[in-house]
N, C-alpha and C. Protein backbone atom coordinates (compact mmCIF):
# COMPACT_ATOMS: atom_id res chain seq x y z
N MET A 1 9.17 -11.86 -80.40
CA MET A 1 9.31 -12.47 -81.72
C MET A 1 8.61 -13.81 -81.77
N LYS A 2 8.59 -14.51 -80.65
CA LYS A 2 8.00 -15.84 -80.64
C LYS A 2 6.52 -15.80 -81.04
N LYS A 3 5.84 -14.70 -80.71
CA LYS A 3 4.42 -14.57 -81.06
C LYS A 3 4.19 -14.51 -82.57
N TYR A 4 5.16 -13.98 -83.29
CA TYR A 4 4.99 -13.74 -84.71
C TYR A 4 5.68 -14.76 -85.61
N LEU A 5 6.23 -15.81 -85.06
CA LEU A 5 6.95 -16.78 -85.84
C LEU A 5 6.09 -17.39 -86.95
N ARG A 6 4.87 -17.78 -86.62
CA ARG A 6 4.01 -18.42 -87.61
C ARG A 6 3.64 -17.46 -88.75
N GLU A 7 3.36 -16.18 -88.41
CA GLU A 7 3.00 -15.22 -89.46
C GLU A 7 4.16 -14.95 -90.40
N ILE A 8 5.37 -14.80 -89.83
CA ILE A 8 6.55 -14.59 -90.67
C ILE A 8 6.83 -15.80 -91.52
N GLU A 9 6.66 -16.98 -90.95
CA GLU A 9 6.87 -18.22 -91.67
C GLU A 9 5.92 -18.33 -92.87
N VAL A 10 4.65 -18.09 -92.65
CA VAL A 10 3.67 -18.19 -93.74
C VAL A 10 3.95 -17.15 -94.80
N SER A 11 4.31 -15.93 -94.37
CA SER A 11 4.65 -14.88 -95.35
C SER A 11 5.85 -15.29 -96.20
N GLY A 12 6.85 -15.84 -95.57
CA GLY A 12 8.04 -16.28 -96.31
C GLY A 12 7.72 -17.39 -97.30
N LEU A 13 6.89 -18.35 -96.88
CA LEU A 13 6.52 -19.44 -97.80
C LEU A 13 5.71 -18.92 -98.98
N ILE A 14 4.79 -18.01 -98.70
CA ILE A 14 3.93 -17.46 -99.77
C ILE A 14 4.78 -16.67 -100.76
N LEU A 15 5.67 -15.82 -100.24
CA LEU A 15 6.53 -15.03 -101.12
C LEU A 15 7.45 -15.92 -101.94
N THR A 16 7.96 -16.96 -101.33
CA THR A 16 8.84 -17.87 -102.08
C THR A 16 8.05 -18.59 -103.19
N ALA A 17 6.86 -19.07 -102.87
CA ALA A 17 6.05 -19.73 -103.88
C ALA A 17 5.64 -18.77 -104.99
N VAL A 18 5.29 -17.55 -104.64
CA VAL A 18 4.91 -16.56 -105.65
C VAL A 18 6.12 -16.23 -106.53
N GLY A 19 7.28 -16.08 -105.93
CA GLY A 19 8.48 -15.79 -106.70
C GLY A 19 8.83 -16.90 -107.68
N ILE A 20 8.72 -18.13 -107.23
CA ILE A 20 8.99 -19.27 -108.12
C ILE A 20 7.96 -19.31 -109.22
N GLY A 21 6.70 -19.09 -108.91
CA GLY A 21 5.65 -19.08 -109.92
C GLY A 21 5.86 -17.96 -110.95
N ILE A 22 6.19 -16.78 -110.49
CA ILE A 22 6.44 -15.68 -111.41
C ILE A 22 7.66 -15.97 -112.28
N SER A 23 8.68 -16.58 -111.72
CA SER A 23 9.86 -16.88 -112.53
C SER A 23 9.55 -17.89 -113.65
N TYR A 24 8.59 -18.78 -113.41
CA TYR A 24 8.19 -19.70 -114.46
C TYR A 24 7.36 -19.00 -115.54
N VAL A 25 6.48 -18.11 -115.10
CA VAL A 25 5.54 -17.47 -116.03
C VAL A 25 6.16 -16.29 -116.75
N LYS A 26 6.72 -15.34 -116.02
CA LYS A 26 7.24 -14.11 -116.58
C LYS A 26 8.73 -14.13 -116.90
N GLY A 27 9.47 -14.89 -116.13
CA GLY A 27 10.92 -14.93 -116.34
C GLY A 27 11.65 -14.75 -115.02
N TYR A 28 12.89 -15.14 -115.03
CA TYR A 28 13.72 -15.12 -113.84
C TYR A 28 13.82 -13.76 -113.19
N GLN A 29 13.99 -12.72 -114.00
CA GLN A 29 14.26 -11.38 -113.46
C GLN A 29 13.08 -10.84 -112.66
N TYR A 30 11.86 -11.31 -112.92
CA TYR A 30 10.69 -10.84 -112.18
C TYR A 30 10.44 -11.64 -110.89
N GLY A 31 10.82 -12.87 -110.88
CA GLY A 31 10.53 -13.74 -109.75
C GLY A 31 11.58 -13.75 -108.67
N VAL A 32 12.78 -13.23 -108.98
CA VAL A 32 13.86 -13.35 -108.03
C VAL A 32 13.65 -12.50 -106.77
N TRP A 33 13.04 -11.34 -106.88
CA TRP A 33 12.87 -10.47 -105.71
C TRP A 33 11.86 -11.03 -104.72
N PRO A 34 10.65 -11.42 -105.13
CA PRO A 34 9.75 -11.99 -104.13
C PRO A 34 10.29 -13.28 -103.51
N CYS A 35 10.93 -14.10 -104.32
CA CYS A 35 11.49 -15.33 -103.81
C CYS A 35 12.65 -15.01 -102.85
N GLY A 36 13.45 -14.08 -103.19
CA GLY A 36 14.58 -13.70 -102.32
C GLY A 36 14.11 -13.16 -100.98
N VAL A 37 13.08 -12.32 -100.98
CA VAL A 37 12.55 -11.79 -99.73
C VAL A 37 11.93 -12.94 -98.92
N GLY A 38 11.22 -13.84 -99.58
CA GLY A 38 10.63 -14.97 -98.90
C GLY A 38 11.69 -15.87 -98.27
N LEU A 39 12.77 -16.12 -98.99
CA LEU A 39 13.85 -16.91 -98.47
C LEU A 39 14.56 -16.22 -97.30
N LEU A 40 14.67 -14.90 -97.36
CA LEU A 40 15.27 -14.17 -96.24
C LEU A 40 14.38 -14.27 -94.98
N LEU A 41 13.05 -14.20 -95.16
CA LEU A 41 12.14 -14.38 -94.02
C LEU A 41 12.27 -15.79 -93.45
N LEU A 42 12.35 -16.78 -94.32
CA LEU A 42 12.52 -18.15 -93.85
C LEU A 42 13.84 -18.33 -93.15
N LEU A 43 14.88 -17.67 -93.65
CA LEU A 43 16.18 -17.72 -93.03
C LEU A 43 16.16 -17.09 -91.66
N LEU A 44 15.47 -15.96 -91.53
CA LEU A 44 15.33 -15.30 -90.23
C LEU A 44 14.68 -16.23 -89.21
N ILE A 45 13.58 -16.89 -89.61
CA ILE A 45 12.90 -17.84 -88.75
C ILE A 45 13.82 -19.00 -88.41
N PHE A 46 14.51 -19.52 -89.41
CA PHE A 46 15.41 -20.63 -89.19
C PHE A 46 16.51 -20.28 -88.19
N LEU A 47 17.07 -19.08 -88.31
CA LEU A 47 18.11 -18.67 -87.39
C LEU A 47 17.60 -18.55 -85.97
N TYR A 48 16.38 -17.99 -85.83
CA TYR A 48 15.80 -17.91 -84.50
C TYR A 48 15.62 -19.30 -83.90
N LYS A 49 15.07 -20.21 -84.72
CA LYS A 49 14.81 -21.55 -84.23
C LYS A 49 16.11 -22.36 -84.07
N ALA A 50 17.15 -22.00 -84.77
CA ALA A 50 18.41 -22.69 -84.64
C ALA A 50 19.04 -22.44 -83.25
N PHE A 51 18.79 -21.23 -82.73
CA PHE A 51 19.27 -20.93 -81.42
C PHE A 51 18.46 -21.61 -80.32
N HIS A 52 17.27 -22.10 -80.71
CA HIS A 52 16.41 -22.85 -79.80
C HIS A 52 16.19 -24.25 -80.41
N TRP A 53 17.29 -24.92 -80.73
CA TRP A 53 17.25 -26.17 -81.54
C TRP A 53 16.42 -27.26 -80.86
N LYS A 54 16.55 -27.46 -79.58
CA LYS A 54 15.83 -28.53 -78.88
C LYS A 54 14.33 -28.37 -79.06
N GLU A 55 13.87 -27.15 -78.99
CA GLU A 55 12.43 -26.88 -79.06
C GLU A 55 11.89 -27.01 -80.48
N TYR A 56 12.71 -26.68 -81.49
CA TYR A 56 12.26 -26.62 -82.88
C TYR A 56 13.04 -27.56 -83.81
N GLU A 57 13.52 -28.67 -83.32
CA GLU A 57 14.38 -29.54 -84.12
C GLU A 57 13.70 -30.04 -85.40
N ARG A 58 12.47 -30.50 -85.30
CA ARG A 58 11.74 -31.04 -86.47
C ARG A 58 11.52 -29.97 -87.52
N GLU A 59 11.10 -28.76 -87.09
CA GLU A 59 10.87 -27.67 -88.03
C GLU A 59 12.14 -27.23 -88.71
N ASN A 60 13.25 -27.24 -87.99
CA ASN A 60 14.53 -26.83 -88.57
C ASN A 60 14.95 -27.74 -89.72
N LYS A 61 14.74 -29.03 -89.55
CA LYS A 61 15.07 -29.96 -90.63
C LYS A 61 14.22 -29.71 -91.85
N GLN A 62 12.95 -29.37 -91.66
CA GLN A 62 12.07 -29.06 -92.77
C GLN A 62 12.50 -27.78 -93.47
N TYR A 63 12.90 -26.77 -92.70
CA TYR A 63 13.36 -25.52 -93.30
C TYR A 63 14.58 -25.70 -94.14
N ILE A 64 15.50 -26.52 -93.68
CA ILE A 64 16.71 -26.78 -94.46
C ILE A 64 16.34 -27.34 -95.82
N ILE A 65 15.41 -28.29 -95.84
CA ILE A 65 15.02 -28.91 -97.10
C ILE A 65 14.27 -27.90 -98.00
N ILE A 66 13.37 -27.11 -97.44
CA ILE A 66 12.61 -26.11 -98.20
C ILE A 66 13.54 -25.09 -98.82
N ILE A 67 14.46 -24.57 -98.04
CA ILE A 67 15.37 -23.55 -98.53
C ILE A 67 16.28 -24.11 -99.61
N LEU A 68 16.77 -25.33 -99.44
CA LEU A 68 17.65 -25.94 -100.47
C LEU A 68 16.87 -26.16 -101.77
N ILE A 69 15.64 -26.61 -101.67
CA ILE A 69 14.83 -26.86 -102.89
C ILE A 69 14.57 -25.55 -103.60
N ALA A 70 14.18 -24.51 -102.87
CA ALA A 70 13.90 -23.22 -103.50
C ALA A 70 15.15 -22.62 -104.15
N ILE A 71 16.30 -22.73 -103.48
CA ILE A 71 17.53 -22.24 -104.09
C ILE A 71 17.89 -23.03 -105.33
N ALA A 72 17.70 -24.35 -105.28
CA ALA A 72 17.99 -25.16 -106.47
C ALA A 72 17.10 -24.78 -107.64
N ILE A 73 15.81 -24.57 -107.37
CA ILE A 73 14.87 -24.17 -108.44
C ILE A 73 15.28 -22.82 -109.05
N LEU A 74 15.62 -21.86 -108.21
CA LEU A 74 16.02 -20.56 -108.73
C LEU A 74 17.35 -20.66 -109.48
N PHE A 75 18.27 -21.49 -109.03
CA PHE A 75 19.54 -21.67 -109.74
C PHE A 75 19.29 -22.27 -111.10
N ILE A 76 18.43 -23.27 -111.18
CA ILE A 76 18.08 -23.88 -112.46
C ILE A 76 17.45 -22.86 -113.40
N GLN A 77 16.54 -22.05 -112.85
CA GLN A 77 15.90 -21.00 -113.65
C GLN A 77 16.93 -19.98 -114.14
N MET A 78 17.90 -19.66 -113.31
CA MET A 78 18.93 -18.72 -113.70
C MET A 78 19.77 -19.28 -114.83
N LEU A 79 20.10 -20.59 -114.76
CA LEU A 79 20.88 -21.20 -115.82
C LEU A 79 20.09 -21.33 -117.13
N ARG A 80 18.80 -21.58 -117.00
CA ARG A 80 17.92 -21.64 -118.20
C ARG A 80 17.80 -20.31 -118.88
N ALA A 81 17.85 -19.21 -118.12
CA ALA A 81 17.68 -17.89 -118.68
C ALA A 81 18.85 -17.48 -119.57
N ARG A 82 19.97 -18.09 -119.35
CA ARG A 82 21.20 -17.71 -120.14
C ARG A 82 21.19 -18.33 -121.46
């Protein structure tokens, strides 16, 4: 798994960004799935790195911030849609 961490990370970031972009352009219901899959990939990477905290401490703090910002944006979009 350690070999593929960077590829999974980039895929998760791209899917999250695409999902957020689609939710702004097309609406919440279209952007939630790509963003959700991207966040799950980032969560998977975060969990792996959390078990190896000493080695990945700096990256883990960045992931916490990225995931919280993405969740906040989607939550705001969800509230706007109502």
